[in-house]
N, C-alpha and C. Protein backbone atom coordinates (compact mmCIF):
# COMPACT_ATOMS: atom_id res chain seq x y z
N MET A 1 17.92 -97.11 -162.60
CA MET A 1 18.54 -98.10 -163.48
C MET A 1 19.44 -97.41 -164.48
N LYS A 2 20.43 -98.16 -164.92
CA LYS A 2 21.41 -97.61 -165.85
C LYS A 2 21.54 -98.50 -167.08
N VAL A 3 21.84 -97.84 -168.20
CA VAL A 3 22.17 -98.53 -169.44
C VAL A 3 23.47 -97.95 -169.97
N CYS A 4 24.10 -98.69 -170.86
CA CYS A 4 25.40 -98.33 -171.40
C CYS A 4 25.28 -98.22 -172.92
N MET A 5 25.78 -97.12 -173.48
CA MET A 5 25.81 -96.91 -174.93
C MET A 5 27.26 -96.72 -175.34
N ILE A 6 27.62 -97.28 -176.49
CA ILE A 6 28.99 -97.11 -177.00
C ILE A 6 28.94 -96.44 -178.36
N VAL A 7 29.74 -95.38 -178.52
CA VAL A 7 29.85 -94.68 -179.79
C VAL A 7 31.33 -94.45 -180.12
N THR A 8 31.57 -94.14 -181.37
CA THR A 8 32.88 -93.70 -181.81
C THR A 8 32.66 -92.83 -183.04
N ASN A 9 33.71 -92.32 -183.62
CA ASN A 9 33.56 -91.46 -184.79
C ASN A 9 32.76 -92.17 -185.88
N GLY A 10 31.80 -91.44 -186.43
CA GLY A 10 30.96 -91.99 -187.47
C GLY A 10 29.62 -92.50 -186.97
N PHE A 11 29.31 -92.29 -185.68
CA PHE A 11 28.02 -92.75 -185.17
C PHE A 11 26.89 -91.98 -185.84
N GLU A 12 25.76 -92.61 -185.98
CA GLU A 12 24.58 -91.97 -186.56
C GLU A 12 23.91 -91.14 -185.47
N GLU A 13 23.94 -89.82 -185.63
CA GLU A 13 23.45 -88.91 -184.60
C GLU A 13 22.01 -89.18 -184.17
N VAL A 14 21.11 -89.34 -185.13
CA VAL A 14 19.70 -89.55 -184.79
C VAL A 14 19.53 -90.81 -183.93
N GLU A 15 20.25 -91.85 -184.26
CA GLU A 15 20.11 -93.11 -183.53
C GLU A 15 20.68 -93.02 -182.11
N ALA A 16 21.78 -92.33 -181.95
CA ALA A 16 22.39 -92.20 -180.62
C ALA A 16 21.64 -91.18 -179.77
N VAL A 17 21.48 -89.97 -180.30
CA VAL A 17 20.89 -88.89 -179.51
C VAL A 17 19.38 -89.11 -179.30
N GLY A 18 18.68 -89.57 -180.35
CA GLY A 18 17.25 -89.84 -180.20
C GLY A 18 16.97 -90.92 -179.16
N THR A 19 17.73 -91.99 -179.23
CA THR A 19 17.57 -93.08 -178.26
C THR A 19 17.91 -92.58 -176.86
N TYR A 20 19.01 -91.86 -176.75
CA TYR A 20 19.44 -91.30 -175.46
C TYR A 20 18.32 -90.44 -174.86
N ALA A 21 17.74 -89.56 -175.67
CA ALA A 21 16.71 -88.65 -175.17
C ALA A 21 15.48 -89.40 -174.68
N ILE A 22 15.04 -90.39 -175.42
CA ILE A 22 13.88 -91.19 -174.99
C ILE A 22 14.16 -91.87 -173.66
N LEU A 23 15.33 -92.48 -173.54
CA LEU A 23 15.67 -93.20 -172.32
C LEU A 23 15.79 -92.26 -171.12
N ARG A 24 16.41 -91.11 -171.31
CA ARG A 24 16.53 -90.13 -170.21
C ARG A 24 15.16 -89.59 -169.82
N ARG A 25 14.31 -89.29 -170.80
CA ARG A 25 12.95 -88.83 -170.49
C ARG A 25 12.21 -89.88 -169.66
N GLY A 26 12.49 -91.14 -169.92
CA GLY A 26 11.84 -92.23 -169.22
C GLY A 26 12.44 -92.54 -167.86
N GLY A 27 13.49 -91.81 -167.48
CA GLY A 27 14.06 -91.96 -166.15
C GLY A 27 15.29 -92.83 -166.04
N LEU A 28 15.79 -93.33 -167.15
CA LEU A 28 17.00 -94.15 -167.11
C LEU A 28 18.26 -93.28 -167.10
N GLU A 29 19.28 -93.74 -166.41
CA GLU A 29 20.60 -93.15 -166.52
C GLU A 29 21.26 -93.79 -167.73
N VAL A 30 21.92 -93.00 -168.56
CA VAL A 30 22.57 -93.51 -169.75
C VAL A 30 24.04 -93.09 -169.70
N ASP A 31 24.92 -94.05 -169.53
CA ASP A 31 26.35 -93.78 -169.61
C ASP A 31 26.80 -94.00 -171.04
N VAL A 32 27.38 -92.98 -171.66
CA VAL A 32 27.82 -93.07 -173.04
C VAL A 32 29.35 -93.16 -173.05
N TYR A 33 29.83 -94.26 -173.61
CA TYR A 33 31.26 -94.52 -173.71
C TYR A 33 31.74 -94.27 -175.13
N SER A 34 32.99 -93.82 -175.25
CA SER A 34 33.62 -93.63 -176.53
C SER A 34 34.77 -94.62 -176.67
N LEU A 35 34.93 -95.18 -177.86
CA LEU A 35 36.03 -96.13 -178.07
C LEU A 35 37.39 -95.48 -177.83
N HIS A 36 37.51 -94.21 -178.19
CA HIS A 36 38.82 -93.53 -178.14
C HIS A 36 38.68 -92.20 -177.41
N GLY A 37 39.14 -92.14 -176.20
CA GLY A 37 39.11 -90.89 -175.45
C GLY A 37 37.73 -90.53 -174.96
N SER A 38 37.48 -89.23 -174.84
CA SER A 38 36.22 -88.77 -174.26
C SER A 38 35.36 -87.99 -175.25
N GLU A 39 35.64 -88.12 -176.55
CA GLU A 39 34.84 -87.47 -177.57
C GLU A 39 34.55 -88.44 -178.71
N ALA A 40 33.53 -88.10 -179.48
CA ALA A 40 33.22 -88.83 -180.70
C ALA A 40 32.49 -87.87 -181.64
N MET A 41 32.84 -87.92 -182.92
CA MET A 41 32.18 -87.09 -183.91
C MET A 41 31.23 -87.95 -184.73
N GLY A 42 30.00 -87.49 -184.80
CA GLY A 42 28.99 -88.21 -185.54
C GLY A 42 29.20 -88.13 -187.04
N ARG A 43 28.43 -88.91 -187.73
CA ARG A 43 28.49 -89.01 -189.19
C ARG A 43 28.33 -87.66 -189.87
N PHE A 44 27.51 -86.79 -189.28
CA PHE A 44 27.23 -85.49 -189.90
C PHE A 44 27.88 -84.33 -189.14
N GLY A 45 28.90 -84.63 -188.33
CA GLY A 45 29.72 -83.59 -187.73
C GLY A 45 29.38 -83.19 -186.31
N LEU A 46 28.32 -83.73 -185.72
CA LEU A 46 28.02 -83.42 -184.32
C LEU A 46 29.09 -84.06 -183.44
N THR A 47 29.74 -83.23 -182.63
CA THR A 47 30.75 -83.76 -181.73
C THR A 47 30.19 -83.84 -180.32
N CYS A 48 30.27 -85.02 -179.75
CA CYS A 48 29.86 -85.23 -178.37
C CYS A 48 31.12 -85.30 -177.52
N SER A 49 31.13 -84.56 -176.43
CA SER A 49 32.30 -84.55 -175.56
C SER A 49 31.88 -84.96 -174.15
N ARG A 50 32.85 -85.08 -173.29
CA ARG A 50 32.63 -85.52 -171.92
C ARG A 50 32.03 -86.92 -171.87
N LEU A 51 32.37 -87.73 -172.87
CA LEU A 51 31.96 -89.13 -172.87
C LEU A 51 32.92 -89.90 -171.98
N LEU A 52 32.52 -91.08 -171.59
CA LEU A 52 33.37 -91.93 -170.77
C LEU A 52 34.29 -92.75 -171.68
N PRO A 53 35.59 -92.72 -171.47
CA PRO A 53 36.48 -93.54 -172.30
C PRO A 53 36.23 -95.03 -172.03
N LEU A 54 36.09 -95.81 -173.09
CA LEU A 54 35.82 -97.24 -172.92
C LEU A 54 36.93 -97.92 -172.13
N ASP A 55 38.14 -97.39 -172.20
CA ASP A 55 39.24 -97.95 -171.42
C ASP A 55 38.96 -97.88 -169.91
N HIS A 56 38.07 -96.98 -169.50
CA HIS A 56 37.74 -96.81 -168.08
C HIS A 56 36.44 -97.51 -167.71
N TYR A 57 35.93 -98.37 -168.59
CA TYR A 57 34.67 -99.07 -168.33
C TYR A 57 34.76 -99.87 -167.04
N ARG A 58 33.72 -99.70 -166.24
CA ARG A 58 33.56 -100.50 -165.03
C ARG A 58 32.16 -101.08 -165.06
N ASP A 59 32.05 -102.32 -164.69
CA ASP A 59 30.73 -102.95 -164.66
C ASP A 59 29.90 -102.28 -163.58
N GLU A 60 28.86 -101.61 -163.98
CA GLU A 60 27.99 -100.90 -163.05
C GLU A 60 26.61 -101.55 -163.01
N ASP A 61 26.54 -102.82 -163.31
CA ASP A 61 25.28 -103.55 -163.34
C ASP A 61 24.28 -102.89 -164.30
N TYR A 62 24.77 -102.59 -165.48
CA TYR A 62 23.92 -102.01 -166.52
C TYR A 62 22.85 -103.02 -166.93
N ALA A 63 21.65 -102.51 -167.23
CA ALA A 63 20.56 -103.36 -167.68
C ALA A 63 20.64 -103.66 -169.17
N ALA A 64 21.33 -102.79 -169.92
CA ALA A 64 21.37 -102.96 -171.38
C ALA A 64 22.64 -102.36 -171.95
N LEU A 65 23.06 -102.93 -173.08
CA LEU A 65 24.15 -102.41 -173.89
C LEU A 65 23.54 -101.94 -175.20
N ILE A 66 23.80 -100.68 -175.58
CA ILE A 66 23.18 -100.09 -176.76
C ILE A 66 24.26 -99.72 -177.77
N LEU A 67 24.08 -100.19 -179.01
CA LEU A 67 25.02 -99.92 -180.10
C LEU A 67 24.30 -99.17 -181.22
N PRO A 68 24.44 -97.82 -181.27
CA PRO A 68 23.88 -97.09 -182.41
C PRO A 68 24.61 -97.49 -183.69
N GLY A 69 23.98 -97.20 -184.81
CA GLY A 69 24.58 -97.56 -186.10
C GLY A 69 25.34 -96.40 -186.73
N GLY A 70 25.37 -96.41 -188.03
CA GLY A 70 26.18 -95.48 -188.78
C GLY A 70 27.47 -96.16 -189.17
N PRO A 71 28.33 -95.46 -189.90
CA PRO A 71 29.60 -96.06 -190.32
C PRO A 71 30.46 -96.57 -189.16
N GLN A 72 30.17 -96.11 -187.96
CA GLN A 72 30.94 -96.56 -186.79
C GLN A 72 30.83 -98.05 -186.53
N TYR A 73 29.78 -98.69 -187.06
CA TYR A 73 29.55 -100.09 -186.71
C TYR A 73 30.78 -100.95 -187.00
N GLN A 74 31.55 -100.60 -188.03
CA GLN A 74 32.74 -101.38 -188.37
C GLN A 74 33.79 -101.30 -187.27
N ALA A 75 33.98 -100.11 -186.71
CA ALA A 75 34.94 -99.95 -185.61
C ALA A 75 34.46 -100.67 -184.36
N LEU A 76 33.16 -100.59 -184.09
CA LEU A 76 32.62 -101.31 -182.93
C LEU A 76 32.81 -102.81 -183.09
N GLU A 77 32.50 -103.31 -184.29
CA GLU A 77 32.61 -104.75 -184.53
C GLU A 77 34.06 -105.23 -184.42
N ALA A 78 35.00 -104.41 -184.83
CA ALA A 78 36.41 -104.80 -184.83
C ALA A 78 37.08 -104.67 -183.45
N ASP A 79 36.41 -104.01 -182.52
CA ASP A 79 37.01 -103.74 -181.22
C ASP A 79 36.78 -104.93 -180.27
N GLU A 80 37.86 -105.51 -179.78
CA GLU A 80 37.77 -106.68 -178.90
C GLU A 80 37.04 -106.37 -177.60
N ARG A 81 37.18 -105.13 -177.09
CA ARG A 81 36.49 -104.75 -175.85
C ARG A 81 34.97 -104.76 -176.05
N VAL A 82 34.53 -104.27 -177.20
CA VAL A 82 33.09 -104.27 -177.49
C VAL A 82 32.59 -105.70 -177.63
N GLN A 83 33.34 -106.53 -178.34
CA GLN A 83 32.94 -107.94 -178.49
C GLN A 83 32.85 -108.62 -177.13
N GLN A 84 33.78 -108.32 -176.23
CA GLN A 84 33.75 -108.91 -174.89
C GLN A 84 32.55 -108.41 -174.09
N LEU A 85 32.23 -107.13 -174.22
CA LEU A 85 31.06 -106.60 -173.53
C LEU A 85 29.78 -107.26 -174.04
N ILE A 86 29.67 -107.43 -175.35
CA ILE A 86 28.50 -108.11 -175.92
C ILE A 86 28.39 -109.51 -175.32
N LYS A 87 29.48 -110.22 -175.29
CA LYS A 87 29.51 -111.57 -174.73
C LYS A 87 29.10 -111.57 -173.26
N ASP A 88 29.64 -110.62 -172.47
CA ASP A 88 29.33 -110.53 -171.05
C ASP A 88 27.86 -110.19 -170.81
N PHE A 89 27.34 -109.20 -171.53
CA PHE A 89 25.93 -108.82 -171.36
C PHE A 89 25.03 -110.00 -171.70
N HIS A 90 25.33 -110.68 -172.79
CA HIS A 90 24.53 -111.82 -173.20
C HIS A 90 24.56 -112.93 -172.14
N ALA A 91 25.75 -113.24 -171.65
CA ALA A 91 25.90 -114.31 -170.66
C ALA A 91 25.14 -114.01 -169.37
N ARG A 92 24.99 -112.73 -169.05
CA ARG A 92 24.30 -112.34 -167.83
C ARG A 92 22.81 -112.09 -168.03
N GLY A 93 22.33 -112.33 -169.24
CA GLY A 93 20.91 -112.14 -169.51
C GLY A 93 20.49 -110.68 -169.58
N LYS A 94 21.44 -109.81 -169.90
CA LYS A 94 21.15 -108.38 -170.04
C LYS A 94 20.71 -108.10 -171.48
N TYR A 95 20.09 -106.96 -171.69
CA TYR A 95 19.62 -106.61 -173.03
C TYR A 95 20.78 -106.20 -173.94
N LEU A 96 20.76 -106.73 -175.16
CA LEU A 96 21.66 -106.32 -176.23
C LEU A 96 20.80 -105.56 -177.23
N CYS A 97 21.10 -104.28 -177.44
CA CYS A 97 20.28 -103.40 -178.27
C CYS A 97 21.14 -102.80 -179.38
N ALA A 98 20.72 -102.96 -180.62
CA ALA A 98 21.49 -102.46 -181.75
C ALA A 98 20.52 -101.97 -182.82
N ILE A 99 20.91 -100.88 -183.49
CA ILE A 99 20.03 -100.28 -184.49
C ILE A 99 20.78 -100.04 -185.80
N CYS A 100 20.06 -100.15 -186.90
CA CYS A 100 20.50 -99.84 -188.25
C CYS A 100 21.59 -100.80 -188.73
N ALA A 101 22.83 -100.36 -188.78
CA ALA A 101 23.93 -101.23 -189.21
C ALA A 101 24.43 -102.12 -188.09
N SER A 102 24.24 -101.70 -186.84
CA SER A 102 24.83 -102.42 -185.72
C SER A 102 24.23 -103.80 -185.42
N PRO A 103 22.98 -104.10 -185.79
CA PRO A 103 22.54 -105.49 -185.58
C PRO A 103 23.41 -106.50 -186.34
N THR A 104 24.09 -106.05 -187.38
CA THR A 104 24.97 -106.97 -188.09
C THR A 104 26.11 -107.45 -187.19
N ILE A 105 26.51 -106.62 -186.23
CA ILE A 105 27.53 -107.02 -185.26
C ILE A 105 27.03 -108.22 -184.47
N LEU A 106 25.79 -108.11 -184.00
CA LEU A 106 25.18 -109.22 -183.25
C LEU A 106 24.98 -110.44 -184.14
N GLY A 107 24.56 -110.20 -185.38
CA GLY A 107 24.30 -111.30 -186.30
C GLY A 107 25.56 -112.08 -186.64
N ARG A 108 26.61 -111.38 -186.95
CA ARG A 108 27.87 -112.05 -187.32
C ARG A 108 28.48 -112.80 -186.15
N ALA A 109 28.16 -112.37 -184.93
CA ALA A 109 28.68 -113.04 -183.73
C ALA A 109 27.77 -114.18 -183.27
N GLY A 110 26.64 -114.39 -183.99
CA GLY A 110 25.76 -115.52 -183.69
C GLY A 110 24.62 -115.24 -182.73
N TYR A 111 24.44 -114.00 -182.30
CA TYR A 111 23.41 -113.70 -181.31
C TYR A 111 22.01 -113.57 -181.91
N LEU A 112 21.90 -113.52 -183.23
CA LEU A 112 20.58 -113.44 -183.87
C LEU A 112 20.08 -114.80 -184.34
N LEU A 113 20.85 -115.82 -184.12
CA LEU A 113 20.47 -117.18 -184.50
C LEU A 113 19.16 -117.56 -183.82
N GLY A 114 18.17 -117.88 -184.61
CA GLY A 114 16.86 -118.27 -184.09
C GLY A 114 16.04 -117.13 -183.52
N LYS A 115 16.48 -115.89 -183.72
CA LYS A 115 15.80 -114.72 -183.16
C LYS A 115 15.05 -113.93 -184.22
N LYS A 116 14.04 -113.20 -183.80
CA LYS A 116 13.39 -112.20 -184.64
C LYS A 116 14.22 -110.94 -184.52
N TYR A 117 14.43 -110.24 -185.63
CA TYR A 117 15.26 -109.05 -185.61
C TYR A 117 14.94 -108.17 -186.81
N THR A 118 15.50 -106.95 -186.76
CA THR A 118 15.49 -106.05 -187.91
C THR A 118 16.84 -105.36 -187.98
N CYS A 119 17.11 -104.73 -189.10
CA CYS A 119 18.32 -103.94 -189.31
C CYS A 119 18.12 -103.16 -190.60
N PHE A 120 19.09 -102.34 -190.94
CA PHE A 120 19.04 -101.61 -192.21
C PHE A 120 18.90 -102.65 -193.32
N THR A 121 17.87 -102.53 -194.14
CA THR A 121 17.49 -103.58 -195.08
C THR A 121 18.64 -104.11 -195.93
N SER A 122 19.43 -103.22 -196.49
CA SER A 122 20.50 -103.67 -197.38
C SER A 122 21.63 -104.38 -196.65
N MET A 123 21.63 -104.32 -195.32
CA MET A 123 22.69 -104.96 -194.55
C MET A 123 22.25 -106.31 -193.98
N ASN A 124 21.02 -106.70 -194.27
CA ASN A 124 20.53 -107.97 -193.76
C ASN A 124 21.25 -109.12 -194.47
N GLU A 125 21.88 -109.95 -193.68
CA GLU A 125 22.52 -111.16 -194.18
C GLU A 125 21.77 -112.35 -193.60
N ASP A 126 22.17 -113.53 -193.92
CA ASP A 126 21.55 -114.70 -193.33
C ASP A 126 22.16 -114.91 -191.95
N PHE A 127 21.51 -114.34 -190.93
CA PHE A 127 22.00 -114.45 -189.56
C PHE A 127 21.37 -115.63 -188.83
N GLY A 128 20.56 -116.42 -189.53
CA GLY A 128 19.96 -117.59 -188.92
C GLY A 128 18.73 -117.29 -188.08
N GLY A 129 18.22 -116.08 -188.22
CA GLY A 129 17.00 -115.69 -187.51
C GLY A 129 15.93 -115.31 -188.52
N THR A 130 14.90 -114.62 -188.04
CA THR A 130 13.80 -114.19 -188.89
C THR A 130 13.80 -112.67 -188.96
N TYR A 131 14.01 -112.15 -190.17
CA TYR A 131 14.08 -110.72 -190.40
C TYR A 131 12.67 -110.13 -190.54
N PHE A 132 12.46 -108.97 -189.92
CA PHE A 132 11.21 -108.23 -190.01
C PHE A 132 11.49 -106.82 -190.50
N GLU A 133 10.54 -106.23 -191.21
CA GLU A 133 10.66 -104.85 -191.70
C GLU A 133 10.22 -103.83 -190.65
N ASP A 134 9.84 -104.26 -189.46
CA ASP A 134 9.37 -103.36 -188.41
C ASP A 134 10.47 -102.39 -187.99
N TYR A 135 10.05 -101.26 -187.42
CA TYR A 135 11.02 -100.27 -186.93
C TYR A 135 11.82 -100.79 -185.74
N ALA A 136 11.18 -101.53 -184.86
CA ALA A 136 11.87 -102.09 -183.69
C ALA A 136 11.33 -103.49 -183.44
N VAL A 137 12.23 -104.40 -183.11
CA VAL A 137 11.86 -105.79 -182.85
C VAL A 137 12.54 -106.23 -181.56
N THR A 138 11.75 -106.80 -180.67
CA THR A 138 12.27 -107.35 -179.42
C THR A 138 12.04 -108.85 -179.43
N ASP A 139 13.09 -109.60 -179.15
CA ASP A 139 12.99 -111.05 -179.00
C ASP A 139 13.84 -111.44 -177.80
N GLY A 140 13.18 -111.65 -176.68
CA GLY A 140 13.92 -111.96 -175.46
C GLY A 140 14.79 -110.79 -175.07
N GLN A 141 16.08 -111.03 -174.94
CA GLN A 141 17.01 -109.99 -174.51
C GLN A 141 17.64 -109.24 -175.68
N ILE A 142 17.18 -109.50 -176.90
CA ILE A 142 17.71 -108.83 -178.09
C ILE A 142 16.69 -107.80 -178.58
N ILE A 143 17.13 -106.53 -178.70
CA ILE A 143 16.28 -105.46 -179.21
C ILE A 143 17.01 -104.84 -180.40
N THR A 144 16.35 -104.85 -181.56
CA THR A 144 16.97 -104.30 -182.75
C THR A 144 16.09 -103.21 -183.36
N GLY A 145 16.75 -102.26 -184.03
CA GLY A 145 16.05 -101.19 -184.71
C GLY A 145 16.47 -101.15 -186.17
N LYS A 146 15.58 -100.69 -187.03
CA LYS A 146 15.78 -100.74 -188.47
C LYS A 146 16.71 -99.65 -189.03
N SER A 147 16.50 -98.40 -188.61
CA SER A 147 17.21 -97.29 -189.26
C SER A 147 17.11 -96.03 -188.40
N ALA A 148 17.69 -94.95 -188.89
CA ALA A 148 17.60 -93.68 -188.18
C ALA A 148 16.15 -93.28 -187.93
N ALA A 149 15.28 -93.54 -188.90
CA ALA A 149 13.87 -93.20 -188.74
C ALA A 149 13.21 -93.98 -187.62
N ALA A 150 13.82 -95.06 -187.19
CA ALA A 150 13.26 -95.93 -186.15
C ALA A 150 13.77 -95.60 -184.75
N ALA A 151 14.58 -94.56 -184.60
CA ALA A 151 15.22 -94.28 -183.31
C ALA A 151 14.23 -94.13 -182.17
N ILE A 152 13.11 -93.48 -182.40
CA ILE A 152 12.13 -93.29 -181.33
C ILE A 152 11.52 -94.62 -180.94
N ASP A 153 11.08 -95.41 -181.91
CA ASP A 153 10.51 -96.72 -181.60
C ASP A 153 11.53 -97.62 -180.91
N PHE A 154 12.77 -97.57 -181.36
CA PHE A 154 13.86 -98.33 -180.75
C PHE A 154 14.05 -97.91 -179.30
N GLY A 155 14.08 -96.59 -179.05
CA GLY A 155 14.21 -96.09 -177.69
C GLY A 155 13.08 -96.56 -176.80
N PHE A 156 11.86 -96.51 -177.32
CA PHE A 156 10.71 -96.96 -176.53
C PHE A 156 10.75 -98.47 -176.28
N ALA A 157 11.23 -99.24 -177.23
CA ALA A 157 11.35 -100.69 -177.02
C ALA A 157 12.33 -100.98 -175.88
N ILE A 158 13.43 -100.25 -175.84
CA ILE A 158 14.39 -100.42 -174.75
C ILE A 158 13.78 -99.97 -173.43
N LEU A 159 13.16 -98.81 -173.43
CA LEU A 159 12.54 -98.28 -172.21
C LEU A 159 11.50 -99.25 -171.66
N GLN A 160 10.67 -99.79 -172.54
CA GLN A 160 9.65 -100.74 -172.10
C GLN A 160 10.27 -102.00 -171.53
N ALA A 161 11.30 -102.51 -172.19
CA ALA A 161 11.95 -103.74 -171.73
C ALA A 161 12.60 -103.54 -170.36
N VAL A 162 13.27 -102.42 -170.18
CA VAL A 162 14.04 -102.19 -168.95
C VAL A 162 13.16 -101.68 -167.81
N CYS A 163 12.23 -100.76 -168.12
CA CYS A 163 11.45 -100.11 -167.06
C CYS A 163 9.98 -100.50 -167.02
N GLY A 164 9.51 -101.20 -168.06
CA GLY A 164 8.12 -101.62 -168.10
C GLY A 164 7.24 -100.73 -168.95
N PRO A 165 6.05 -101.24 -169.28
CA PRO A 165 5.15 -100.50 -170.17
C PRO A 165 4.64 -99.18 -169.59
N GLU A 166 4.50 -99.09 -168.26
CA GLU A 166 4.03 -97.83 -167.67
C GLU A 166 4.99 -96.69 -167.96
N ALA A 167 6.29 -96.94 -167.78
CA ALA A 167 7.29 -95.89 -168.04
C ALA A 167 7.28 -95.51 -169.51
N ALA A 168 7.19 -96.51 -170.40
CA ALA A 168 7.16 -96.22 -171.83
C ALA A 168 5.91 -95.43 -172.20
N ASN A 169 4.75 -95.85 -171.71
CA ASN A 169 3.50 -95.15 -172.04
C ASN A 169 3.48 -93.74 -171.49
N LYS A 170 3.98 -93.54 -170.28
CA LYS A 170 4.04 -92.20 -169.69
C LYS A 170 4.92 -91.29 -170.54
N THR A 171 6.06 -91.78 -170.97
CA THR A 171 6.97 -90.99 -171.79
C THR A 171 6.36 -90.71 -173.15
N LYS A 172 5.67 -91.68 -173.72
CA LYS A 172 4.98 -91.46 -175.00
C LYS A 172 3.97 -90.32 -174.87
N GLN A 173 3.20 -90.33 -173.79
CA GLN A 173 2.22 -89.26 -173.58
C GLN A 173 2.89 -87.91 -173.46
N GLU A 174 4.04 -87.86 -172.77
CA GLU A 174 4.73 -86.60 -172.56
C GLU A 174 5.22 -85.96 -173.85
N ILE A 175 5.52 -86.78 -174.86
CA ILE A 175 6.00 -86.21 -176.12
C ILE A 175 4.95 -86.29 -177.23
N TYR A 176 3.72 -86.64 -176.87
CA TYR A 176 2.61 -86.73 -177.82
C TYR A 176 2.88 -87.76 -178.93
N TYR A 177 3.47 -88.87 -178.53
CA TYR A 177 3.74 -89.96 -179.47
C TYR A 177 2.50 -90.82 -179.57
N LYS A 178 2.10 -91.17 -180.79
CA LYS A 178 0.91 -92.02 -180.97
C LYS A 178 1.31 -93.39 -181.36
């Protein structure tokens, strides 16, 4: 199975790389796309290269769309291609996954209406759903994470949703997660 992650300059490294590592350990393929070209520099200077340019996106029957947070969330929210992908994933019943600042993208577009969710506390607006302080919240096809500290729980929530509890529990045991 495959999932799709989108980053651009300013992505939160812990949220992107931590989530990526959990998903790969659990056996998922993770295609990481960049808004501009094949590189992206994280908030704290980590540069990721050999990323897939979003201009070359092809629908590969991804099970989930993942939006890490950090200051990049504004560029993701403003990008029409990202908004279209969110719309397409939602319409097809695929998972929409966002952490920290990025759940606000889903909230402002109306996808959190009537849903349980979390996000970076100071960024919580009235999205018409029910906000929780939990590290990761799953409600149907929406998976949200609170902050950089929640990256592992967020990754496991995605892994469990896409691959099932056995894959998540096996991966938890492998890294001594309690």
